[in-house]
Amino acid sequence: MDRSLSARPLAVAKVGAVRVGGVNRWREIGGADHGGVYDDRWRRMEARGEWVHGEADLVSWFGPATVLDAGCGTGRVAIELDRRGVGVVGVDLDARMLDEARSKAPHLPWILGDLTDVEIAAPGAADGRRQFDLIVLAGNVMVFVEVGTEAAIVANMARHLGPGGRLVSGFRLGLSPLTFDDYDRFAANAGLELEHRWTTWDRRPFDGGSYAVTVHRRPAGV
């Protein structure tokens, strides 16, 4: 595993229209004002002896060397992956959540950007864009984004996957108009194939319920 990603010039972001003041469901529910409160939830769970790293466990199961934590928030998943030796970059639209992440792990690359058009630059790459082994969209990211941007986000994430790379997303139905069929269609249009759908991050079989963890894969050699 490569722990030196943060020392390389790979976390440069070329950002188009970063809608820092734009509307998304995370802002609508007040999430942008409550980064510390959000972290408190996980601290309380840990204090009760509950395991809070199911997302990192699943990501690690795939054995990626590099991961983009898209919609990283205060960095819980990214920081745990870094602790396990994964080269990780975090990106989020919420500056205050990123401030929390930086305060906990200043050595990691934390990028302010809109998932619809942010580009993680890789000097020397053919198209200048960094490609990751895996991109994770945890914490219901896909249902907190601006309605109508979901297809653009999936397409942009797909552009940041290397051949054989995986896009892993967990979200609940009913929090936005997005459905699992919609999400699968957006992924297919971006050239990704459905590989897994589970009910939980610990890979319990999908039971047809309202929450799913879905894995799409970019075909090897593409």
Protein backbone atom coordinates (compact mmCIF):
# COMPACT_ATOMS: atom_id res chain seq x y z
CA MET A 1 0.00 0.00 0.00
CA ASP A 2 1.26 3.47 -0.90
CA ARG A 3 1.14 5.95 1.99
CA SER A 4 3.01 8.66 0.12
CA LEU A 5 0.15 10.01 -1.97
CA SER A 6 -0.17 13.15 0.14
CA ALA A 7 3.46 13.98 -0.54
CA ARG A 8 3.04 13.81 -4.29
CA PRO A 9 1.68 16.59 -6.52
CA LEU A 10 -1.45 14.54 -7.21
CA ALA A 11 -4.03 16.31 -5.11
CA VAL A 12 -4.18 19.46 -7.18
CA ALA A 13 -7.79 20.21 -8.05
CA LYS A 14 -8.93 21.84 -11.24
CA VAL A 15 -12.39 23.03 -10.30
CA GLY A 16 -14.90 24.51 -12.67
CA ALA A 17 -18.04 26.02 -11.22
CA VAL A 18 -17.63 25.17 -7.55
CA ARG A 19 -21.09 25.87 -6.20
CA VAL A 20 -19.86 26.61 -2.70
CA GLY A 21 -22.91 28.77 -2.15
CA GLY A 22 -25.19 26.49 -4.13
CA VAL A 23 -28.15 24.45 -3.01
CA ASN A 24 -27.87 20.82 -2.04
CA ARG A 25 -29.78 18.71 0.45
CA TRP A 26 -26.91 18.71 2.92
CA ARG A 27 -27.18 22.49 3.17
CA GLU A 28 -30.98 22.34 3.29
CA ILE A 29 -30.92 20.19 6.43
CA GLY A 30 -28.29 22.40 8.06
CA GLY A 31 -25.42 19.98 7.75
CA ALA A 32 -23.01 22.70 6.71
CA ASP A 33 -23.39 24.30 10.13
CA HIS A 34 -22.90 21.17 12.20
CA GLY A 35 -19.56 19.53 11.39
CA GLY A 36 -18.65 19.20 15.07
CA VAL A 37 -22.08 17.84 15.94
CA TYR A 38 -21.77 15.34 13.11
CA ASP A 39 -18.47 14.10 14.56
CA ASP A 40 -19.99 13.87 18.04
CA ARG A 41 -22.36 11.18 16.82
CA TRP A 42 -19.48 8.89 15.91
CA ARG A 43 -17.61 9.68 19.12
CA ARG A 44 -20.65 8.67 21.15
CA MET A 45 -20.96 5.43 19.19
CA GLU A 46 -17.30 4.62 19.77
CA ALA A 47 -17.68 5.39 23.47
CA ARG A 48 -20.48 2.79 23.60
CA GLY A 49 -18.17 0.24 22.03
CA GLU A 50 -19.86 0.34 18.63
CA TRP A 51 -17.83 -0.16 15.46
CA VAL A 52 -17.89 2.91 13.23
CA HIS A 53 -15.63 1.86 10.36
CA GLY A 54 -17.83 -0.43 8.31
CA GLU A 55 -17.26 1.66 5.19
CA ALA A 56 -13.49 1.44 5.57
CA ASP A 57 -13.78 -2.30 6.16
CA LEU A 58 -15.61 -2.78 2.87
CA VAL A 59 -13.25 -0.52 0.95
CA SER A 60 -10.27 -2.39 2.41
CA TRP A 61 -11.84 -5.72 1.41
CA PHE A 62 -11.26 -4.75 -2.22
CA GLY A 63 -7.58 -4.02 -1.51
CA PRO A 64 -7.19 -0.65 -3.28
CA ALA A 65 -3.91 1.24 -3.13
CA THR A 66 -5.58 4.59 -3.84
CA VAL A 67 -9.03 5.86 -2.88
CA LEU A 68 -10.99 9.06 -3.48
CA ASP A 69 -13.36 9.74 -0.60
CA ALA A 70 -16.01 11.75 -2.46
CA GLY A 71 -18.20 13.79 -0.15
CA CYS A 72 -15.71 13.10 2.63
CA GLY A 73 -17.28 15.44 5.19
CA THR A 74 -15.17 15.60 8.34
CA GLY A 75 -12.93 12.79 7.12
CA ARG A 76 -13.95 9.80 9.21
CA VAL A 77 -13.64 7.27 6.36
CA ALA A 78 -10.58 8.84 4.72
CA ILE A 79 -8.65 9.08 7.98
CA GLU A 80 -9.33 5.45 8.80
CA LEU A 81 -8.23 4.37 5.33
CA ASP A 82 -5.04 6.39 5.69
CA ARG A 83 -4.41 4.67 9.02
CA ARG A 84 -4.63 1.35 7.16
CA GLY A 85 -2.03 2.40 4.61
CA VAL A 86 -4.28 3.44 1.74
CA GLY A 87 -3.34 6.51 -0.32
CA VAL A 88 -6.46 8.63 0.08
CA VAL A 89 -7.72 12.02 -1.09
CA GLY A 90 -10.86 13.65 0.32
CA VAL A 91 -13.12 16.05 -1.56
CA ASP A 92 -16.21 17.88 -0.35
CA LEU A 93 -18.31 20.94 -1.18
CA ASP A 94 -18.60 22.00 2.47
CA ALA A 95 -15.66 24.15 3.59
CA ARG A 96 -16.52 23.91 7.27
CA MET A 97 -16.64 20.12 7.20
CA LEU A 98 -13.25 20.13 5.47
CA ASP A 99 -11.87 22.41 8.18
CA GLU A 100 -12.81 19.71 10.70
CA ALA A 101 -11.09 17.07 8.55
CA ARG A 102 -7.92 19.14 8.21
CA SER A 103 -7.77 19.75 11.94
CA LYS A 104 -7.71 15.98 12.52
CA ALA A 105 -5.43 14.95 9.64
CA PRO A 106 -3.51 17.92 8.24
CA HIS A 107 -1.16 15.62 6.32
CA LEU A 108 -3.93 14.41 4.01
CA PRO A 109 -5.08 16.21 0.84
CA TRP A 110 -8.52 17.77 1.48
CA ILE A 111 -10.01 19.40 -1.61
CA LEU A 112 -12.89 21.86 -1.74
CA GLY A 113 -14.84 21.01 -4.86
CA ASP A 114 -18.15 20.14 -6.45
CA LEU A 115 -18.44 16.45 -7.34
CA THR A 116 -20.07 17.33 -10.65
CA ASP A 117 -16.92 18.85 -12.10
CA VAL A 118 -13.99 18.67 -9.70
CA GLU A 119 -10.85 17.21 -11.27
CA ILE A 120 -8.08 15.66 -9.21
CA ALA A 121 -5.01 16.43 -11.28
CA ALA A 122 -2.14 14.02 -11.89
CA PRO A 123 0.84 15.69 -13.58
CA GLY A 124 2.13 13.48 -16.36
CA ALA A 125 -1.12 11.58 -16.92
CA ALA A 126 -2.38 11.46 -20.50
CA ASP A 127 -5.41 13.64 -19.74
CA GLY A 128 -3.98 15.25 -16.62
CA ARG A 129 -6.56 13.57 -14.42
CA ARG A 130 -5.79 11.33 -11.44
CA GLN A 131 -7.33 7.87 -11.62
CA PHE A 132 -8.09 5.91 -8.47
CA ASP A 133 -8.48 2.23 -7.70
CA LEU A 134 -11.70 2.95 -5.82
CA ILE A 135 -14.02 5.90 -5.18
CA VAL A 136 -16.33 5.77 -2.18
CA LEU A 137 -19.51 7.80 -1.74
CA ALA A 138 -20.46 7.02 1.84
CA GLY A 139 -22.88 8.69 4.23
CA ASN A 140 -25.82 9.06 1.82
CA VAL A 141 -23.82 11.45 -0.35
CA MET A 142 -25.87 10.72 -3.47
CA VAL A 143 -29.16 11.78 -1.89
CA PHE A 144 -27.77 14.97 -0.35
CA VAL A 145 -26.48 16.42 -3.61
CA GLU A 146 -28.40 18.95 -5.66
CA VAL A 147 -31.32 17.18 -7.33
CA GLY A 148 -30.63 16.82 -11.03
CA THR A 149 -26.83 16.61 -10.68
CA GLU A 150 -26.66 12.89 -9.88
CA ALA A 151 -25.86 11.72 -13.42
CA ALA A 152 -23.10 14.32 -13.78
CA ILE A 153 -21.57 13.25 -10.46
CA VAL A 154 -21.52 9.57 -11.41
CA ALA A 155 -20.01 10.43 -14.80
CA ASN A 156 -17.30 12.57 -13.19
CA MET A 157 -16.49 9.89 -10.65
CA ALA A 158 -16.23 7.32 -13.47
CA ARG A 159 -13.69 9.56 -15.21
CA HIS A 160 -11.51 9.31 -12.10
CA LEU A 161 -11.49 5.49 -12.03
CA GLY A 162 -8.64 3.51 -13.45
CA PRO A 163 -9.31 0.34 -15.49
CA GLY A 164 -10.93 -2.19 -13.19
CA GLY A 165 -11.61 0.55 -10.64
CA ARG A 166 -14.71 0.54 -8.47
CA LEU A 167 -17.32 3.13 -7.49
CA VAL A 168 -18.85 2.26 -4.11
CA SER A 169 -21.91 4.13 -2.88
CA GLY A 170 -24.29 3.70 0.04
CA PHE A 171 -27.56 5.61 0.21
CA ARG A 172 -31.15 5.36 1.35
CA LEU A 173 -34.22 5.80 -0.80
CA GLY A 174 -36.80 8.43 0.05
CA LEU A 175 -34.41 11.24 0.96
CA SER A 176 -34.43 12.50 -2.64
CA PRO A 177 -36.07 11.41 -5.92
CA LEU A 178 -33.05 9.19 -6.72
CA THR A 179 -33.79 5.46 -7.09
CA PHE A 180 -31.46 2.48 -7.40
CA ASP A 181 -32.59 2.03 -11.01
CA ASP A 182 -31.70 5.67 -11.73
CA TYR A 183 -28.29 5.23 -10.15
CA ASP A 184 -27.61 2.03 -12.11
CA ARG A 185 -28.61 3.78 -15.34
CA PHE A 186 -26.31 6.72 -14.66
CA ALA A 187 -23.47 4.30 -13.96
CA ALA A 188 -24.14 2.30 -17.12
CA ASN A 189 -24.17 5.50 -19.17
CA ALA A 190 -20.77 6.32 -17.67
CA GLY A 191 -19.38 2.96 -18.79
CA LEU A 192 -19.58 1.17 -15.43
CA GLU A 193 -20.92 -2.31 -14.77
CA LEU A 194 -22.95 -3.35 -11.72
CA GLU A 195 -20.83 -5.73 -9.65
CA HIS A 196 -22.48 -5.94 -6.21
CA ARG A 197 -25.47 -4.68 -4.29
CA TRP A 198 -25.68 -5.32 -0.58
CA THR A 199 -28.00 -4.22 2.22
CA THR A 200 -25.17 -3.24 4.55
CA TRP A 201 -21.51 -2.29 4.48
CA ASP A 202 -20.68 -5.73 5.90
CA ARG A 203 -21.96 -7.30 2.67
CA ARG A 204 -25.27 -8.75 3.77
CA PRO A 205 -27.30 -9.78 0.71
CA PHE A 206 -29.60 -7.09 -0.65
CA ASP A 207 -33.09 -7.66 0.73
CA GLY A 208 -35.01 -5.24 -1.49
CA GLY A 209 -35.18 -2.63 1.24
CA SER A 210 -34.66 1.11 1.13
CA TYR A 211 -30.92 1.14 1.83
CA ALA A 212 -28.22 -0.36 -0.35
CA VAL A 213 -24.48 -0.38 -0.79
CA THR A 214 -23.78 -0.64 -4.50
CA VAL A 215 -20.54 -1.38 -6.33
CA HIS A 216 -20.03 -0.53 -9.98
CA ARG A 217 -16.83 -1.42 -11.78
CA ARG A 218 -15.03 0.07 -14.72
CA PRO A 219 -14.13 -2.84 -17.03
CA ALA A 220 -10.45 -3.74 -17.02
CA GLY A 221 -8.65 -2.47 -20.07
CA VAL A 222 -11.12 0.35 -20.67
